[in-house]
């Protein structure tokens, strides 16, 4: 299934809009990852533990969104938006939304 952030698919006009699909995931970040990220915050550099959690969260959210689109009979999801939020201090929320469509 094609998943894109663009509002359509070049050369393939949308023939049917099937509805909005969404997915969310809240990821707990353990104390070890918090300590590692805190050290990175002081000395600089990338917090790989958080990056890996976010990547996993995005992948899971997109997979869930694709599953919902497939249940609607879609061949693609357009206009996809992925958002990140901090929840409760040490948890991360990833949400994804888009429009399930049948392109021509």
PDB file of N, CA and C in Angstrom:
ATOM      1  N   UNK A   1       0.851  -1.179   0.000  1.00  0.00           N
ATOM      2  CA  UNK A   1       0.000   0.000   0.000  1.00  0.00           C
ATOM      3  C   UNK A   1       0.891   1.236   0.000  1.00  0.00           C
ATOM      4  N   UNK A   2       0.526   2.214  -0.808  1.00  0.00           N
ATOM      5  CA  UNK A   2       1.275   3.459  -0.882  1.00  0.00           C
ATOM      6  C   UNK A   2       0.823   4.384   0.246  1.00  0.00           C
ATOM      7  N   UNK A   3       1.776   4.887   1.004  1.00  0.00           N
ATOM      8  CA  UNK A   3       1.497   5.843   2.069  1.00  0.00           C
ATOM      9  C   UNK A   3       2.342   7.074   1.777  1.00  0.00           C
ATOM     10  N   UNK A   4       1.670   8.238   1.662  1.00  0.00           N
ATOM     11  CA  UNK A   4       2.388   9.444   1.278  1.00  0.00           C
ATOM     12  C   UNK A   4       1.880  10.670   2.039  1.00  0.00           C
ATOM     13  N   UNK A   5       2.773  11.628   2.226  1.00  0.00           N
ATOM     14  CA  UNK A   5       2.387  12.880   2.871  1.00  0.00           C
ATOM     15  C   UNK A   5       1.759  13.857   1.883  1.00  0.00           C
ATOM     16  N   UNK A   6       1.865  13.563   0.607  1.00  0.00           N
ATOM     17  CA  UNK A   6       1.299  14.459  -0.404  1.00  0.00           C
ATOM     18  C   UNK A   6      -0.222  14.283  -0.453  1.00  0.00           C
ATOM     19  N   UNK A   7      -0.941  15.309  -0.956  1.00  0.00           N
ATOM     20  CA  UNK A   7      -2.402  15.219  -0.980  1.00  0.00           C
ATOM     21  C   UNK A   7      -2.954  14.283  -2.047  1.00  0.00           C
ATOM     22  N   UNK A   8      -2.113  13.812  -2.928  1.00  0.00           N
ATOM     23  CA  UNK A   8      -2.546  12.896  -3.979  1.00  0.00           C
ATOM     24  C   UNK A   8      -1.363  12.109  -4.498  1.00  0.00           C
ATOM     25  N   UNK A   9      -1.611  11.335  -5.539  1.00  0.00           N
ATOM     26  CA  UNK A   9      -0.573  10.514  -6.146  1.00  0.00           C
ATOM     27  C   UNK A   9      -0.430  10.961  -7.593  1.00  0.00           C
ATOM     28  N   UNK A  10       0.745  11.429  -7.934  1.00  0.00           N
ATOM     29  CA  UNK A  10       0.973  11.962  -9.277  1.00  0.00           C
ATOM     30  C   UNK A  10       0.612  10.932 -10.347  1.00  0.00           C
ATOM     31  N   UNK A  11      -0.209  11.364 -11.289  1.00  0.00           N
ATOM     32  CA  UNK A  11      -0.596  10.494 -12.396  1.00  0.00           C
ATOM     33  C   UNK A  11      -1.692   9.503 -12.058  1.00  0.00           C
ATOM     34  N   UNK A  12      -2.155   9.494 -10.831  1.00  0.00           N
ATOM     35  CA  UNK A  12      -3.216   8.570 -10.418  1.00  0.00           C
ATOM     36  C   UNK A  12      -4.257   9.330  -9.608  1.00  0.00           C
ATOM     37  N   UNK A  13      -5.246   9.908 -10.259  1.00  0.00           N
ATOM     38  CA  UNK A  13      -6.250  10.679  -9.519  1.00  0.00           C
ATOM     39  C   UNK A  13      -7.029   9.795  -8.550  1.00  0.00           C
ATOM     40  N   UNK A  14      -7.419  10.385  -7.447  1.00  0.00           N
ATOM     41  CA  UNK A  14      -8.222   9.658  -6.457  1.00  0.00           C
ATOM     42  C   UNK A  14      -9.616   9.437  -7.027  1.00  0.00           C
ATOM     43  N   UNK A  15     -10.053   8.186  -7.026  1.00  0.00           N
ATOM     44  CA  UNK A  15     -11.396   7.870  -7.529  1.00  0.00           C
ATOM     45  C   UNK A  15     -12.407   7.712  -6.399  1.00  0.00           C
ATOM     46  N   UNK A  16     -11.894   7.436  -5.189  1.00  0.00           N
ATOM     47  CA  UNK A  16     -12.799   7.258  -4.059  1.00  0.00           C
ATOM     48  C   UNK A  16     -12.075   7.578  -2.758  1.00  0.00           C
ATOM     49  N   UNK A  17     -12.702   8.419  -1.942  1.00  0.00           N
ATOM     50  CA  UNK A  17     -12.202   8.721  -0.601  1.00  0.00           C
ATOM     51  C   UNK A  17     -12.938   7.821   0.373  1.00  0.00           C
ATOM     52  N   UNK A  18     -12.192   7.047   1.137  1.00  0.00           N
ATOM     53  CA  UNK A  18     -12.811   6.044   2.005  1.00  0.00           C
ATOM     54  C   UNK A  18     -12.877   6.453   3.471  1.00  0.00           C
ATOM     55  N   UNK A  19     -12.189   7.506   3.833  1.00  0.00           N
ATOM     56  CA  UNK A  19     -12.267   7.990   5.213  1.00  0.00           C
ATOM     57  C   UNK A  19     -10.906   8.253   5.821  1.00  0.00           C
ATOM     58  N   UNK A  20     -10.945   8.899   6.964  1.00  0.00           N
ATOM     59  CA  UNK A  20      -9.728   9.214   7.711  1.00  0.00           C
ATOM     60  C   UNK A  20      -9.314   7.988   8.515  1.00  0.00           C
ATOM     61  N   UNK A  21      -8.024   7.712   8.519  1.00  0.00           N
ATOM     62  CA  UNK A  21      -7.476   6.635   9.343  1.00  0.00           C
ATOM     63  C   UNK A  21      -6.450   7.253  10.297  1.00  0.00           C
ATOM     64  N   UNK A  22      -6.441   6.752  11.525  1.00  0.00           N
ATOM     65  CA  UNK A  22      -5.541   7.296  12.538  1.00  0.00           C
ATOM     66  C   UNK A  22      -4.942   6.163  13.367  1.00  0.00           C
ATOM     67  N   UNK A  23      -3.833   6.471  13.986  1.00  0.00           N
ATOM     68  CA  UNK A  23      -3.210   5.515  14.905  1.00  0.00           C
ATOM     69  C   UNK A  23      -2.376   6.298  15.906  1.00  0.00           C
ATOM     70  N   UNK A  24      -2.358   5.839  17.132  1.00  0.00           N
ATOM     71  CA  UNK A  24      -1.566   6.466  18.178  1.00  0.00           C
ATOM     72  C   UNK A  24      -0.825   5.393  18.965  1.00  0.00           C
ATOM     73  N   UNK A  25       0.274   5.805  19.515  1.00  0.00           N
ATOM     74  CA  UNK A  25       1.017   4.908  20.394  1.00  0.00           C
ATOM     75  C   UNK A  25       1.712   5.726  21.459  1.00  0.00           C
ATOM     76  N   UNK A  26       1.644   5.256  22.696  1.00  0.00           N
ATOM     77  CA  UNK A  26       2.339   5.916  23.795  1.00  0.00           C
ATOM     78  C   UNK A  26       3.476   5.002  24.208  1.00  0.00           C
ATOM     79  N   UNK A  27       4.672   5.548  24.173  1.00  0.00           N
ATOM     80  CA  UNK A  27       5.876   4.777  24.442  1.00  0.00           C
ATOM     81  C   UNK A  27       6.450   5.166  25.790  1.00  0.00           C
ATOM     82  N   UNK A  28       6.635   4.197  26.653  1.00  0.00           N
ATOM     83  CA  UNK A  28       7.290   4.449  27.929  1.00  0.00           C
ATOM     84  C   UNK A  28       8.791   4.480  27.732  1.00  0.00           C
ATOM     85  N   UNK A  29       9.429   5.414  28.390  1.00  0.00           N
ATOM     86  CA  UNK A  29      10.879   5.518  28.323  1.00  0.00           C
ATOM     87  C   UNK A  29      11.405   5.212  29.720  1.00  0.00           C
ATOM     88  N   UNK A  30      12.247   4.201  29.809  1.00  0.00           N
ATOM     89  CA  UNK A  30      12.698   3.773  31.134  1.00  0.00           C
ATOM     90  C   UNK A  30      13.789   4.681  31.699  1.00  0.00           C
ATOM     91  N   UNK A  31      14.134   4.476  32.953  1.00  0.00           N
ATOM     92  CA  UNK A  31      15.089   5.328  33.661  1.00  0.00           C
ATOM     93  C   UNK A  31      16.467   5.322  33.002  1.00  0.00           C
ATOM     94  N   UNK A  32      16.897   4.181  32.469  1.00  0.00           N
ATOM     95  CA  UNK A  32      18.220   4.117  31.832  1.00  0.00           C
ATOM     96  C   UNK A  32      18.276   5.017  30.604  1.00  0.00           C
ATOM     97  N   UNK A  33      17.213   5.026  29.829  1.00  0.00           N
ATOM     98  CA  UNK A  33      17.172   5.885  28.652  1.00  0.00           C
ATOM     99  C   UNK A  33      17.121   7.353  29.059  1.00  0.00           C
ATOM    100  N   UNK A  34      16.397   7.650  30.158  1.00  0.00           N
ATOM    101  CA  UNK A  34      16.352   9.023  30.658  1.00  0.00           C
ATOM    102  C   UNK A  34      17.732   9.504  31.079  1.00  0.00           C
ATOM    103  N   UNK A  35      18.476   8.658  31.761  1.00  0.00           N
ATOM    104  CA  UNK A  35      19.825   9.027  32.204  1.00  0.00           C
ATOM    105  C   UNK A  35      20.723   9.257  31.010  1.00  0.00           C
ATOM    106  N   UNK A  36      20.675   8.361  30.043  1.00  0.00           N
ATOM    107  CA  UNK A  36      21.489   8.485  28.844  1.00  0.00           C
ATOM    108  C   UNK A  36      21.145   9.764  28.088  1.00  0.00           C
ATOM    109  N   UNK A  37      19.872  10.066  27.956  1.00  0.00           N
ATOM    110  CA  UNK A  37      19.451  11.282  27.261  1.00  0.00           C
ATOM    111  C   UNK A  37      19.874  12.517  28.041  1.00  0.00           C
ATOM    112  N   UNK A  38      19.827  12.439  29.361  1.00  0.00           N
ATOM    113  CA  UNK A  38      20.249  13.561  30.187  1.00  0.00           C
ATOM    114  C   UNK A  38      21.718  13.871  30.015  1.00  0.00           C
ATOM    115  N   UNK A  39      22.547  12.837  29.930  1.00  0.00           N
ATOM    116  CA  UNK A  39      23.982  13.027  29.703  1.00  0.00           C
ATOM    117  C   UNK A  39      24.204  13.673  28.343  1.00  0.00           C
ATOM    118  N   UNK A  40      23.485  13.209  27.335  1.00  0.00           N
ATOM    119  CA  UNK A  40      23.595  13.795  25.992  1.00  0.00           C
ATOM    120  C   UNK A  40      23.172  15.261  26.012  1.00  0.00           C
ATOM    121  N   UNK A  41      22.168  15.580  26.828  1.00  0.00           N
ATOM    122  CA  UNK A  41      21.693  16.949  26.923  1.00  0.00           C
ATOM    123  C   UNK A  41      22.780  17.865  27.492  1.00  0.00           C
ATOM    124  N   UNK A  42      23.536  17.375  28.432  1.00  0.00           N
ATOM    125  CA  UNK A  42      24.604  18.163  29.060  1.00  0.00           C
ATOM    126  C   UNK A  42      25.794  18.310  28.126  1.00  0.00           C
ATOM    127  N   UNK A  43      26.234  17.223  27.535  1.00  0.00           N
ATOM    128  CA  UNK A  43      27.460  17.225  26.738  1.00  0.00           C
ATOM    129  C   UNK A  43      27.219  17.396  25.235  1.00  0.00           C
ATOM    130  N   UNK A  44      25.985  17.326  24.824  1.00  0.00           N
ATOM    131  CA  UNK A  44      25.671  17.446  23.401  1.00  0.00           C
ATOM    132  C   UNK A  44      25.676  16.096  22.722  1.00  0.00           C
ATOM    133  N   UNK A  45      25.179  16.062  21.526  1.00  0.00           N
ATOM    134  CA  UNK A  45      25.103  14.815  20.768  1.00  0.00           C
ATOM    135  C   UNK A  45      23.678  14.333  20.668  1.00  0.00           C
ATOM    136  N   UNK A  46      23.517  13.236  19.999  1.00  0.00           N
ATOM    137  CA  UNK A  46      22.198  12.679  19.739  1.00  0.00           C
ATOM    138  C   UNK A  46      21.823  11.669  20.806  1.00  0.00           C
ATOM    139  N   UNK A  47      20.567  11.712  21.217  1.00  0.00           N
ATOM    140  CA  UNK A  47      20.029  10.770  22.199  1.00  0.00           C
ATOM    141  C   UNK A  47      19.479   9.567  21.435  1.00  0.00           C
ATOM    142  N   UNK A  48      20.349   8.622  21.107  1.00  0.00           N
ATOM    143  CA  UNK A  48      19.977   7.464  20.278  1.00  0.00           C
ATOM    144  C   UNK A  48      18.854   6.639  20.897  1.00  0.00           C
ATOM    145  N   UNK A  49      18.814   6.543  22.228  1.00  0.00           N
ATOM    146  CA  UNK A  49      17.765   5.741  22.853  1.00  0.00           C
ATOM    147  C   UNK A  49      16.391   6.333  22.559  1.00  0.00           C
ATOM    148  N   UNK A  50      16.268   7.666  22.623  1.00  0.00           N
ATOM    149  CA  UNK A  50      15.001   8.308  22.290  1.00  0.00           C
ATOM    150  C   UNK A  50      14.726   8.208  20.795  1.00  0.00           C
ATOM    151  N   UNK A  51      15.746   8.388  19.979  1.00  0.00           N
ATOM    152  CA  UNK A  51      15.558   8.290  18.530  1.00  0.00           C
ATOM    153  C   UNK A  51      15.040   6.908  18.141  1.00  0.00           C
ATOM    154  N   UNK A  52      15.587   5.879  18.753  1.00  0.00           N
ATOM    155  CA  UNK A  52      15.144   4.509  18.455  1.00  0.00           C
ATOM    156  C   UNK A  52      13.698   4.297  18.894  1.00  0.00           C
ATOM    157  N   UNK A  53      13.323   4.836  20.056  1.00  0.00           N
ATOM    158  CA  UNK A  53      11.941   4.718  20.520  1.00  0.00           C
ATOM    159  C   UNK A  53      10.991   5.433  19.563  1.00  0.00           C
ATOM    160  N   UNK A  54      11.365   6.641  19.141  1.00  0.00           N
ATOM    161  CA  UNK A  54      10.518   7.386  18.211  1.00  0.00           C
ATOM    162  C   UNK A  54      10.380   6.662  16.880  1.00  0.00           C
ATOM    163  N   UNK A  55      11.480   6.144  16.361  1.00  0.00           N
ATOM    164  CA  UNK A  55      11.434   5.405  15.090  1.00  0.00           C
ATOM    165  C   UNK A  55      10.511   4.200  15.205  1.00  0.00           C
ATOM    166  N   UNK A  56      10.599   3.497  16.312  1.00  0.00           N
ATOM    167  CA  UNK A  56       9.728   2.341  16.541  1.00  0.00           C
ATOM    168  C   UNK A  56       8.272   2.781  16.632  1.00  0.00           C
ATOM    169  N   UNK A  57       8.030   3.885  17.322  1.00  0.00           N
ATOM    170  CA  UNK A  57       6.665   4.397  17.454  1.00  0.00           C
ATOM    171  C   UNK A  57       6.075   4.815  16.130  1.00  0.00           C
ATOM    172  N   UNK A  58       6.868   5.473  15.303  1.00  0.00           N
ATOM    173  CA  UNK A  58       6.393   5.894  13.970  1.00  0.00           C
ATOM    174  C   UNK A  58       6.072   4.672  13.128  1.00  0.00           C
ATOM    175  N   UNK A  59       6.964   3.710  13.131  1.00  0.00           N
ATOM    176  CA  UNK A  59       6.756   2.483  12.355  1.00  0.00           C
ATOM    177  C   UNK A  59       5.475   1.774  12.783  1.00  0.00           C
ATOM    178  N   UNK A  60       5.261   1.662  14.094  1.00  0.00           N
ATOM    179  CA  UNK A  60       4.056   1.007  14.607  1.00  0.00           C
ATOM    180  C   UNK A  60       2.795   1.777  14.227  1.00  0.00           C
ATOM    181  N   UNK A  61       2.840   3.112  14.347  1.00  0.00           N
ATOM    182  CA  UNK A  61       1.665   3.931  14.033  1.00  0.00           C
ATOM    183  C   UNK A  61       1.322   3.833  12.542  1.00  0.00           C
ATOM    184  N   UNK A  62       2.342   3.885  11.682  1.00  0.00           N
ATOM    185  CA  UNK A  62       2.084   3.779  10.250  1.00  0.00           C
ATOM    186  C   UNK A  62       1.537   2.404   9.877  1.00  0.00           C
ATOM    187  N   UNK A  63       2.038   1.361  10.529  1.00  0.00           N
ATOM    188  CA  UNK A  63       1.540   0.004  10.268  1.00  0.00           C
ATOM    189  C   UNK A  63       0.080  -0.128  10.693  1.00  0.00           C
ATOM    190  N   UNK A  64      -0.275   0.452  11.833  1.00  0.00           N
ATOM    191  CA  UNK A  64      -1.657   0.398  12.301  1.00  0.00           C
ATOM    192  C   UNK A  64      -2.570   1.197  11.370  1.00  0.00           C
ATOM    193  N   UNK A  65      -2.099   2.356  10.933  1.00  0.00           N
ATOM    194  CA  UNK A  65      -2.879   3.174  10.012  1.00  0.00           C
ATOM    195  C   UNK A  65      -3.101   2.429   8.690  1.00  0.00           C
ATOM    196  N   UNK A  66      -2.066   1.763   8.200  1.00  0.00           N
ATOM    197  CA  UNK A  66      -2.175   0.972   6.969  1.00  0.00           C
ATOM    198  C   UNK A  66      -3.170  -0.173   7.145  1.00  0.00           C
ATOM    199  N   UNK A  67      -3.155  -0.808   8.309  1.00  0.00           N
ATOM    200  CA  UNK A  67      -4.095  -1.902   8.589  1.00  0.00           C
ATOM    201  C   UNK A  67      -5.536  -1.393   8.529  1.00  0.00           C
ATOM    202  N   UNK A  68      -5.774  -0.231   9.137  1.00  0.00           N
ATOM    203  CA  UNK A  68      -7.119   0.350   9.108  1.00  0.00           C
ATOM    204  C   UNK A  68      -7.545   0.686   7.679  1.00  0.00           C
ATOM    205  N   UNK A  69      -6.618   1.244   6.898  1.00  0.00           N
ATOM    206  CA  UNK A  69      -6.923   1.589   5.511  1.00  0.00           C
ATOM    207  C   UNK A  69      -7.261   0.336   4.704  1.00  0.00           C
ATOM    208  N   UNK A  70      -6.521  -0.734   4.924  1.00  0.00           N
ATOM    209  CA  UNK A  70      -6.778  -1.989   4.210  1.00  0.00           C
ATOM    210  C   UNK A  70      -8.167  -2.524   4.554  1.00  0.00           C
ATOM    211  N   UNK A  71      -8.587  -2.383   5.801  1.00  0.00           N
ATOM    212  CA  UNK A  71      -9.922  -2.832   6.202  1.00  0.00           C
ATOM    213  C   UNK A  71     -11.020  -2.055   5.475  1.00  0.00           C
ATOM    214  N   UNK A  72     -10.713  -0.806   5.097  1.00  0.00           N
ATOM    215  CA  UNK A  72     -11.670   0.008   4.354  1.00  0.00           C
ATOM    216  C   UNK A  72     -11.623  -0.281   2.853  1.00  0.00           C
ATOM    217  N   UNK A  73     -10.670  -1.108   2.421  1.00  0.00           N
ATOM    218  CA  UNK A  73     -10.518  -1.437   1.011  1.00  0.00           C
ATOM    219  C   UNK A  73      -9.654  -0.447   0.250  1.00  0.00           C
ATOM    220  N   UNK A  74      -8.846   0.326   0.953  1.00  0.00           N
ATOM    221  CA  UNK A  74      -8.006   1.346   0.316  1.00  0.00           C
ATOM    222  C   UNK A  74      -6.785   0.726  -0.345  1.00  0.00           C
ATOM    223  N   UNK A  75      -6.283   1.441  -1.347  1.00  0.00           N
ATOM    224  CA  UNK A  75      -5.029   1.073  -1.994  1.00  0.00           C
ATOM    225  C   UNK A  75      -3.907   2.032  -1.615  1.00  0.00           C
ATOM    226  N   UNK A  76      -4.276   3.152  -0.951  1.00  0.00           N
ATOM    227  CA  UNK A  76      -3.283   4.153  -0.573  1.00  0.00           C
ATOM    228  C   UNK A  76      -3.814   4.984   0.587  1.00  0.00           C
ATOM    229  N   UNK A  77      -2.877   5.651   1.255  1.00  0.00           N
ATOM    230  CA  UNK A  77      -3.225   6.645   2.276  1.00  0.00           C
ATOM    231  C   UNK A  77      -2.477   7.917   1.899  1.00  0.00           C
ATOM    232  N   UNK A  78      -3.232   8.999   1.715  1.00  0.00           N
ATOM    233  CA  UNK A  78      -2.621  10.267   1.304  1.00  0.00           C
ATOM    234  C   UNK A  78      -2.764  11.299   2.423  1.00  0.00           C
ATOM    235  N   UNK A  79      -1.958  12.363   2.312  1.00  0.00           N
ATOM    236  CA  UNK A  79      -2.024  13.439   3.294  1.00  0.00           C
ATOM    237  C   UNK A  79      -1.612  13.008   4.686  1.00  0.00           C
ATOM    238  N   UNK A  80      -0.681  12.077   4.772  1.00  0.00           N
ATOM    239  CA  UNK A  80      -0.280  11.535   6.075  1.00  0.00           C
ATOM    240  C   UNK A  80       0.471  12.591   6.887  1.00  0.00           C
ATOM    241  N   UNK A  81       0.118  12.672   8.159  1.00  0.00           N
ATOM    242  CA  UNK A  81       0.771  13.564   9.106  1.00  0.00           C
ATOM    243  C   UNK A  81       1.183  12.738  10.318  1.00  0.00           C
ATOM    244  N   UNK A  82       2.428  12.903  10.744  1.00  0.00           N
ATOM    245  CA  UNK A  82       2.936  12.211  11.928  1.00  0.00           C
ATOM    246  C   UNK A  82       3.300  13.277  12.957  1.00  0.00           C
ATOM    247  N   UNK A  83       2.789  13.125  14.168  1.00  0.00           N
ATOM    248  CA  UNK A  83       3.059  14.071  15.253  1.00  0.00           C
ATOM    249  C   UNK A  83       3.664  13.359  16.445  1.00  0.00           C
ATOM    250  N   UNK A  84       4.424  14.130  17.225  1.00  0.00           N
ATOM    251  CA  UNK A  84       5.079  13.623  18.431  1.00  0.00           C
ATOM    252  C   UNK A  84       4.717  14.524  19.598  1.00  0.00           C
ATOM    253  N   UNK A  85       4.512  13.951  20.759  1.00  0.00           N
ATOM    254  CA  UNK A  85       4.225  14.715  21.962  1.00  0.00           C
ATOM    255  C   UNK A  85       4.871  14.036  23.160  1.00  0.00           C
ATOM    256  N   UNK A  86       5.195  14.830  24.146  1.00  0.00           N
ATOM    257  CA  UNK A  86       5.654  14.293  25.425  1.00  0.00           C
ATOM    258  C   UNK A  86       4.433  14.179  26.317  1.00  0.00           C
ATOM    259  N   UNK A  87       4.283  13.037  26.965  1.00  0.00           N
ATOM    260  CA  UNK A  87       3.120  12.781  27.807  1.00  0.00           C
ATOM    261  C   UNK A  87       3.612  12.374  29.189  1.00  0.00           C
ATOM    262  N   UNK A  88       3.143  13.057  30.210  1.00  0.00           N
ATOM    263  CA  UNK A  88       3.461  12.663  31.574  1.00  0.00           C
ATOM    264  C   UNK A  88       4.936  12.739  31.941  1.00  0.00           C
ATOM    265  N   UNK A  89       5.691  13.541  31.259  1.00  0.00           N
ATOM    266  CA  UNK A  89       7.086  13.741  31.641  1.00  0.00           C
ATOM    267  C   UNK A  89       8.062  12.758  31.038  1.00  0.00           C
ATOM    268  N   UNK A  90       7.770  11.461  31.104  1.00  0.00           N
ATOM    269  CA  UNK A  90       8.739  10.491  30.585  1.00  0.00           C
ATOM    270  C   UNK A  90       8.110   9.470  29.632  1.00  0.00           C
ATOM    271  N   UNK A  91       7.061   9.908  28.968  1.00  0.00           N
ATOM    272  CA  UNK A  91       6.445   9.050  27.964  1.00  0.00           C
ATOM    273  C   UNK A  91       6.323   9.842  26.664  1.00  0.00           C
ATOM    274  N   UNK A  92       6.391   9.142  25.561  1.00  0.00           N
ATOM    275  CA  UNK A  92       6.307   9.766  24.247  1.00  0.00           C
ATOM    276  C   UNK A  92       5.074   9.243  23.523  1.00  0.00           C
ATOM    277  N   UNK A  93       4.348  10.157  22.880  1.00  0.00           N
ATOM    278  CA  UNK A  93       3.203   9.744  22.089  1.00  0.00           C
ATOM    279  C   UNK A  93       3.480  10.042  20.627  1.00  0.00           C
ATOM    280  N   UNK A  94       3.218   9.056  19.786  1.00  0.00           N
ATOM    281  CA  UNK A  94       3.335   9.214  18.341  1.00  0.00           C
ATOM    282  C   UNK A  94       1.941   9.016  17.772  1.00  0.00           C
ATOM    283  N   UNK A  95       1.511   9.945  16.928  1.00  0.00           N
ATOM    284  CA  UNK A  95       0.207   9.779  16.281  1.00  0.00           C
ATOM    285  C   UNK A  95       0.374   9.998  14.779  1.00  0.00           C
ATOM    286  N   UNK A  96      -0.397   9.263  14.023  1.00  0.00           N
ATOM    287  CA  UNK A  96      -0.361   9.372  12.570  1.00  0.00           C
ATOM    288  C   UNK A  96      -1.797   9.418  12.068  1.00  0.00           C
ATOM    289  N   UNK A  97      -2.021  10.222  11.042  1.00  0.00           N
ATOM    290  CA  UNK A  97      -3.358  10.283  10.447  1.00  0.00           C
ATOM    291  C   UNK A  97      -3.213  10.534   8.942  1.00  0.00           C
ATOM    292  N   UNK A  98      -4.213  10.118   8.212  1.00  0.00           N
ATOM    293  CA  UNK A  98      -4.229  10.320   6.773  1.00  0.00           C
ATOM    294  C   UNK A  98      -5.594   9.956   6.220  1.00  0.00           C
ATOM    295  N   UNK A  99      -5.729  10.044   4.911  1.00  0.00           N
ATOM    296  CA  UNK A  99      -6.979   9.719   4.242  1.00  0.00           C
ATOM    297  C   UNK A  99      -6.814   8.467   3.401  1.00  0.00           C
ATOM    298  N   UNK A 100      -7.632   7.476   3.678  1.00  0.00           N
ATOM    299  CA  UNK A 100      -7.616   6.229   2.919  1.00  0.00           C
ATOM    300  C   UNK A 100      -8.326   6.471   1.594  1.00  0.00           C
ATOM    301  N   UNK A 101      -7.679   6.085   0.473  1.00  0.00           N
ATOM    302  CA  UNK A 101      -8.246   6.358  -0.853  1.00  0.00           C
ATOM    303  C   UNK A 101      -8.054   5.172  -1.789  1.00  0.00           C
ATOM    304  N   UNK A 102      -8.801   5.253  -2.892  1.00  0.00           N
ATOM    305  CA  UNK A 102      -8.596   4.364  -4.034  1.00  0.00           C
ATOM    306  C   UNK A 102      -8.177   5.249  -5.194  1.00  0.00           C
ATOM    307  N   UNK A 103      -6.896   5.162  -5.588  1.00  0.00           N
ATOM    308  CA  UNK A 103      -6.457   5.954  -6.735  1.00  0.00           C
ATOM    309  C   UNK A 103      -6.824   5.272  -8.046  1.00  0.00           C
ATOM    310  N   UNK A 104      -6.902   6.091  -9.118  1.00  0.00           N
ATOM    311  CA  UNK A 104      -7.236   5.556 -10.435  1.00  0.00           C
ATOM    312  C   UNK A 104      -6.070   4.837 -11.065  1.00  0.00           C
TER     313      UNK A 104
END
